Amino acid sequence: MMSVKKWTPGLWLAPLVVALGAVVLAGFGPVQSEAEDEQEARGFMAAKGRVTFRTYCASCHGRDARGDGNLAQYLTVTPSDLTRIAERRGGEFPRQEIAETIDGRRVAKGHGTREMPVWGDVFQSPLSADSGATEEPEDRAQRKVAELVYFLETIQEDGGDD
């Protein structure tokens, strides 16, 4: 009669488990701190803001945000050099003020009033739930404004000699 041996894992199983564990752990990569995560998120938002800026703002403010866009010569109000916002504010970049200027809550020469800002409702959140707009456009407008603010913050110059 033939005897059947019960299968038992051999020494080959241990290296396999170790190798599999290494592959799984390698997929997680190094652990980032909250500050690094925030910095990465800001960089991502600023990059998206650059695209939004070039789409909606560069025609007046210029591709490099210095106030020299293709349409600047035709405007009655000269577009601002947006690379010097912090310099004009004593070295501080006023995020909230810039967001309010973009979304129409703060009137800026050349941008028009809240009722008719230069880009309509692209950067404007609905004023109330009665406006008929869903939350999605509001979220989109707020995201676009935040992206622009992060982008503008990244292009600030120190005011030194160029």
C-alpha atoms as a PDB file:
ATOM      1  CA  MET A   1       0.000   0.000   0.000  1.00  0.00           C
ATOM      2  CA  MET A   2       1.192   3.393  -0.908  1.00  0.00           C
ATOM      3  CA  SER A   3       1.446   5.930   1.833  1.00  0.00           C
ATOM      4  CA  VAL A   4       0.360   9.478   1.232  1.00  0.00           C
ATOM      5  CA  LYS A   5       2.383  12.105   2.957  1.00  0.00           C
ATOM      6  CA  LYS A   6       0.640  15.119   4.342  1.00  0.00           C
ATOM      7  CA  TRP A   7       1.894  18.272   2.608  1.00  0.00           C
ATOM      8  CA  THR A   8       3.789  20.619   4.857  1.00  0.00           C
ATOM      9  CA  PRO A   9       5.310  23.929   3.863  1.00  0.00           C
ATOM     10  CA  GLY A  10       9.011  23.715   3.397  1.00  0.00           C
ATOM     11  CA  LEU A  11      11.751  26.231   3.774  1.00  0.00           C
ATOM     12  CA  TRP A  12      10.833  27.805   0.438  1.00  0.00           C
ATOM     13  CA  LEU A  13       7.718  29.400   1.949  1.00  0.00           C
ATOM     14  CA  ALA A  14       9.537  31.808   4.289  1.00  0.00           C
ATOM     15  CA  PRO A  15      11.449  33.657   1.527  1.00  0.00           C
ATOM     16  CA  LEU A  16       8.249  33.838  -0.523  1.00  0.00           C
ATOM     17  CA  VAL A  17       6.364  35.505   2.356  1.00  0.00           C
ATOM     18  CA  VAL A  18       9.224  37.955   2.917  1.00  0.00           C
ATOM     19  CA  ALA A  19       9.388  38.824  -0.788  1.00  0.00           C
ATOM     20  CA  LEU A  20       5.635  39.279  -1.003  1.00  0.00           C
ATOM     21  CA  GLY A  21       5.672  41.518   2.070  1.00  0.00           C
ATOM     22  CA  ALA A  22       8.457  43.636   0.553  1.00  0.00           C
ATOM     23  CA  VAL A  23       6.465  44.098  -2.661  1.00  0.00           C
ATOM     24  CA  VAL A  24       3.362  45.145  -0.721  1.00  0.00           C
ATOM     25  CA  LEU A  25       5.276  47.583   1.481  1.00  0.00           C
ATOM     26  CA  ALA A  26       7.158  49.070  -1.479  1.00  0.00           C
ATOM     27  CA  GLY A  27       3.841  50.096  -2.969  1.00  0.00           C
ATOM     28  CA  PHE A  28       3.191  52.452  -0.083  1.00  0.00           C
ATOM     29  CA  GLY A  29       6.387  54.458  -0.559  1.00  0.00           C
ATOM     30  CA  PRO A  30       7.871  56.756   2.053  1.00  0.00           C
ATOM     31  CA  VAL A  31       5.538  58.307   4.589  1.00  0.00           C
ATOM     32  CA  GLN A  32       5.101  62.056   4.126  1.00  0.00           C
ATOM     33  CA  SER A  33       4.457  64.530   6.869  1.00  0.00           C
ATOM     34  CA  GLU A  34       1.300  66.648   6.892  1.00  0.00           C
ATOM     35  CA  ALA A  35       3.400  69.665   5.912  1.00  0.00           C
ATOM     36  CA  GLU A  36       4.782  67.793   2.895  1.00  0.00           C
ATOM     37  CA  ASP A  37       1.278  66.675   1.924  1.00  0.00           C
ATOM     38  CA  GLU A  38       0.023  70.255   2.200  1.00  0.00           C
ATOM     39  CA  GLN A  39       2.968  71.564   0.164  1.00  0.00           C
ATOM     40  CA  GLU A  40       2.296  68.956  -2.530  1.00  0.00           C
ATOM     41  CA  ALA A  41      -1.405  69.869  -2.618  1.00  0.00           C
ATOM     42  CA  ARG A  42      -0.568  73.577  -2.896  1.00  0.00           C
ATOM     43  CA  GLY A  43       1.831  72.848  -5.750  1.00  0.00           C
ATOM     44  CA  PHE A  44      -0.851  70.860  -7.549  1.00  0.00           C
ATOM     45  CA  MET A  45      -3.413  73.626  -7.058  1.00  0.00           C
ATOM     46  CA  ALA A  46      -0.929  76.294  -8.191  1.00  0.00           C
ATOM     47  CA  ALA A  47      -0.219  74.319 -11.368  1.00  0.00           C
ATOM     48  CA  LYS A  48      -3.943  74.138 -12.098  1.00  0.00           C
ATOM     49  CA  GLY A  49      -4.209  77.836 -11.250  1.00  0.00           C
ATOM     50  CA  ARG A  50      -1.538  78.627 -13.859  1.00  0.00           C
ATOM     51  CA  VAL A  51      -3.723  77.000 -16.526  1.00  0.00           C
ATOM     52  CA  THR A  52      -6.805  78.880 -15.291  1.00  0.00           C
ATOM     53  CA  PHE A  53      -4.823  82.132 -15.219  1.00  0.00           C
ATOM     54  CA  ARG A  54      -3.663  81.686 -18.782  1.00  0.00           C
ATOM     55  CA  THR A  55      -7.219  80.929 -19.882  1.00  0.00           C
ATOM     56  CA  TYR A  56      -9.019  83.787 -18.121  1.00  0.00           C
ATOM     57  CA  CYS A  57      -6.489  86.394 -17.002  1.00  0.00           C
ATOM     58  CA  ALA A  58      -3.482  86.475 -19.335  1.00  0.00           C
ATOM     59  CA  SER A  59      -5.236  88.426 -22.093  1.00  0.00           C
ATOM     60  CA  CYS A  60      -5.190  91.488 -19.814  1.00  0.00           C
ATOM     61  CA  HIS A  61      -2.557  90.738 -17.154  1.00  0.00           C
ATOM     62  CA  GLY A  62      -0.117  89.049 -19.550  1.00  0.00           C
ATOM     63  CA  ARG A  63       1.245  85.535 -19.715  1.00  0.00           C
ATOM     64  CA  ASP A  64       3.739  86.357 -16.956  1.00  0.00           C
ATOM     65  CA  ALA A  65       1.150  88.370 -14.950  1.00  0.00           C
ATOM     66  CA  ARG A  66       3.029  91.670 -15.306  1.00  0.00           C
ATOM     67  CA  GLY A  67       0.059  93.683 -16.633  1.00  0.00           C
ATOM     68  CA  ASP A  68       1.139  93.566 -20.251  1.00  0.00           C
ATOM     69  CA  GLY A  69      -1.414  91.280 -21.881  1.00  0.00           C
ATOM     70  CA  ASN A  70      -2.507  91.599 -25.503  1.00  0.00           C
ATOM     71  CA  LEU A  71      -5.631  93.543 -24.507  1.00  0.00           C
ATOM     72  CA  ALA A  72      -3.942  95.844 -21.977  1.00  0.00           C
ATOM     73  CA  GLN A  73      -3.426  98.638 -24.519  1.00  0.00           C
ATOM     74  CA  TYR A  74      -7.175  98.793 -25.180  1.00  0.00           C
ATOM     75  CA  LEU A  75      -8.277  99.056 -21.563  1.00  0.00           C
ATOM     76  CA  THR A  76      -9.067 102.288 -19.730  1.00  0.00           C
ATOM     77  CA  VAL A  77      -7.595 100.868 -16.512  1.00  0.00           C
ATOM     78  CA  THR A  78      -4.057  99.486 -16.744  1.00  0.00           C
ATOM     79  CA  PRO A  79      -3.947  95.873 -15.505  1.00  0.00           C
ATOM     80  CA  SER A  80      -1.917  95.334 -12.350  1.00  0.00           C
ATOM     81  CA  ASP A  81       1.443  93.605 -12.237  1.00  0.00           C
ATOM     82  CA  LEU A  82       0.303  90.586 -10.252  1.00  0.00           C
ATOM     83  CA  THR A  83       3.860  89.497  -9.464  1.00  0.00           C
ATOM     84  CA  ARG A  84       4.163  92.456  -7.049  1.00  0.00           C
ATOM     85  CA  ILE A  85       1.033  91.978  -4.914  1.00  0.00           C
ATOM     86  CA  ALA A  86       3.003  91.022  -1.801  1.00  0.00           C
ATOM     87  CA  GLU A  87       5.539  93.790  -2.382  1.00  0.00           C
ATOM     88  CA  ARG A  88       2.727  96.368  -2.481  1.00  0.00           C
ATOM     89  CA  ARG A  89       1.369  94.900   0.794  1.00  0.00           C
ATOM     90  CA  GLY A  90       4.578  95.113   2.816  1.00  0.00           C
ATOM     91  CA  GLY A  91       5.771  91.617   1.917  1.00  0.00           C
ATOM     92  CA  GLU A  92       2.558  89.819   2.866  1.00  0.00           C
ATOM     93  CA  PHE A  93       0.398  88.051   0.316  1.00  0.00           C
ATOM     94  CA  PRO A  94      -3.264  88.774   1.226  1.00  0.00           C
ATOM     95  CA  ARG A  95      -4.922  85.499   0.227  1.00  0.00           C
ATOM     96  CA  GLN A  96      -8.429  86.446   1.346  1.00  0.00           C
ATOM     97  CA  GLU A  97      -8.323  89.859  -0.348  1.00  0.00           C
ATOM     98  CA  ILE A  98      -7.135  88.302  -3.600  1.00  0.00           C
ATOM     99  CA  ALA A  99      -9.843  85.613  -3.462  1.00  0.00           C
ATOM    100  CA  GLU A 100     -12.501  88.295  -2.888  1.00  0.00           C
ATOM    101  CA  THR A 101     -11.170  90.315  -5.824  1.00  0.00           C
ATOM    102  CA  ILE A 102     -11.272  87.312  -8.128  1.00  0.00           C
ATOM    103  CA  ASP A 103     -14.758  86.169  -7.113  1.00  0.00           C
ATOM    104  CA  GLY A 104     -16.245  89.672  -7.240  1.00  0.00           C
ATOM    105  CA  ARG A 105     -16.859  90.287  -3.530  1.00  0.00           C
ATOM    106  CA  ARG A 106     -14.254  93.069  -3.645  1.00  0.00           C
ATOM    107  CA  VAL A 107     -14.487  95.574  -6.477  1.00  0.00           C
ATOM    108  CA  ALA A 108     -11.329  95.953  -8.539  1.00  0.00           C
ATOM    109  CA  LYS A 109     -10.870  98.637 -11.184  1.00  0.00           C
ATOM    110  CA  GLY A 110     -11.350  97.047 -14.568  1.00  0.00           C
ATOM    111  CA  HIS A 111     -13.072  93.918 -13.282  1.00  0.00           C
ATOM    112  CA  GLY A 112     -16.540  95.442 -12.945  1.00  0.00           C
ATOM    113  CA  THR A 113     -19.061  95.089 -10.148  1.00  0.00           C
ATOM    114  CA  ARG A 114     -20.285  91.877  -8.562  1.00  0.00           C
ATOM    115  CA  GLU A 115     -23.384  92.046 -10.762  1.00  0.00           C
ATOM    116  CA  MET A 116     -21.237  92.032 -13.894  1.00  0.00           C
ATOM    117  CA  PRO A 117     -17.650  90.926 -13.218  1.00  0.00           C
ATOM    118  CA  VAL A 118     -15.478  90.524 -16.268  1.00  0.00           C
ATOM    119  CA  TRP A 119     -15.830  86.708 -16.250  1.00  0.00           C
ATOM    120  CA  GLY A 120     -19.453  86.474 -15.112  1.00  0.00           C
ATOM    121  CA  ASP A 121     -20.079  83.532 -12.824  1.00  0.00           C
ATOM    122  CA  VAL A 122     -16.922  81.538 -13.649  1.00  0.00           C
ATOM    123  CA  PHE A 123     -15.303  82.515 -10.339  1.00  0.00           C
ATOM    124  CA  GLN A 124     -18.430  83.556  -8.502  1.00  0.00           C
ATOM    125  CA  SER A 125     -20.304  81.391  -6.025  1.00  0.00           C
ATOM    126  CA  PRO A 126     -24.100  81.643  -6.015  1.00  0.00           C
ATOM    127  CA  LEU A 127     -25.262  84.104  -3.371  1.00  0.00           C
ATOM    128  CA  SER A 128     -27.919  81.798  -1.951  1.00  0.00           C
ATOM    129  CA  ALA A 129     -29.622  78.456  -2.363  1.00  0.00           C
ATOM    130  CA  ASP A 130     -32.546  80.348  -3.942  1.00  0.00           C
ATOM    131  CA  SER A 131     -30.391  81.235  -6.937  1.00  0.00           C
ATOM    132  CA  GLY A 132     -31.321  77.933  -8.576  1.00  0.00           C
ATOM    133  CA  ALA A 133     -27.696  76.816  -8.799  1.00  0.00           C
ATOM    134  CA  THR A 134     -26.585  73.500  -7.423  1.00  0.00           C
ATOM    135  CA  GLU A 135     -23.682  73.042  -5.044  1.00  0.00           C
ATOM    136  CA  GLU A 136     -21.484  71.764  -7.861  1.00  0.00           C
ATOM    137  CA  PRO A 137     -21.006  75.166  -9.589  1.00  0.00           C
ATOM    138  CA  GLU A 138     -20.314  76.765  -6.220  1.00  0.00           C
ATOM    139  CA  ASP A 139     -17.676  74.172  -5.401  1.00  0.00           C
ATOM    140  CA  ARG A 140     -16.172  74.574  -8.864  1.00  0.00           C
ATOM    141  CA  ALA A 141     -16.028  78.369  -8.547  1.00  0.00           C
ATOM    142  CA  GLN A 142     -14.421  78.162  -5.095  1.00  0.00           C
ATOM    143  CA  ARG A 143     -11.872  75.626  -6.339  1.00  0.00           C
ATOM    144  CA  LYS A 144     -10.944  77.790  -9.334  1.00  0.00           C
ATOM    145  CA  VAL A 145     -10.529  80.847  -7.101  1.00  0.00           C
ATOM    146  CA  ALA A 146      -8.344  78.875  -4.657  1.00  0.00           C
ATOM    147  CA  GLU A 147      -6.209  77.567  -7.516  1.00  0.00           C
ATOM    148  CA  LEU A 148      -5.686  81.093  -8.842  1.00  0.00           C
ATOM    149  CA  VAL A 149      -4.787  82.385  -5.382  1.00  0.00           C
ATOM    150  CA  TYR A 150      -2.190  79.630  -4.904  1.00  0.00           C
ATOM    151  CA  PHE A 151      -0.766  80.321  -8.372  1.00  0.00           C
ATOM    152  CA  LEU A 152      -0.530  84.068  -7.754  1.00  0.00           C
ATOM    153  CA  GLU A 153       1.182  83.447  -4.435  1.00  0.00           C
ATOM    154  CA  THR A 154       3.851  81.348  -6.181  1.00  0.00           C
ATOM    155  CA  ILE A 155       4.769  84.086  -8.677  1.00  0.00           C
ATOM    156  CA  GLN A 156       5.389  86.851  -6.155  1.00  0.00           C
ATOM    157  CA  GLU A 157       8.719  88.590  -6.567  1.00  0.00           C
ATOM    158  CA  ASP A 158      10.768  89.982  -3.739  1.00  0.00           C
ATOM    159  CA  GLY A 159      11.087  93.458  -5.228  1.00  0.00           C
ATOM    160  CA  GLY A 160      14.857  93.205  -5.596  1.00  0.00           C
ATOM    161  CA  ASP A 161      16.781  94.088  -8.722  1.00  0.00           C
ATOM    162  CA  ASP A 162      15.821  91.916 -11.661  1.00  0.00           C
END
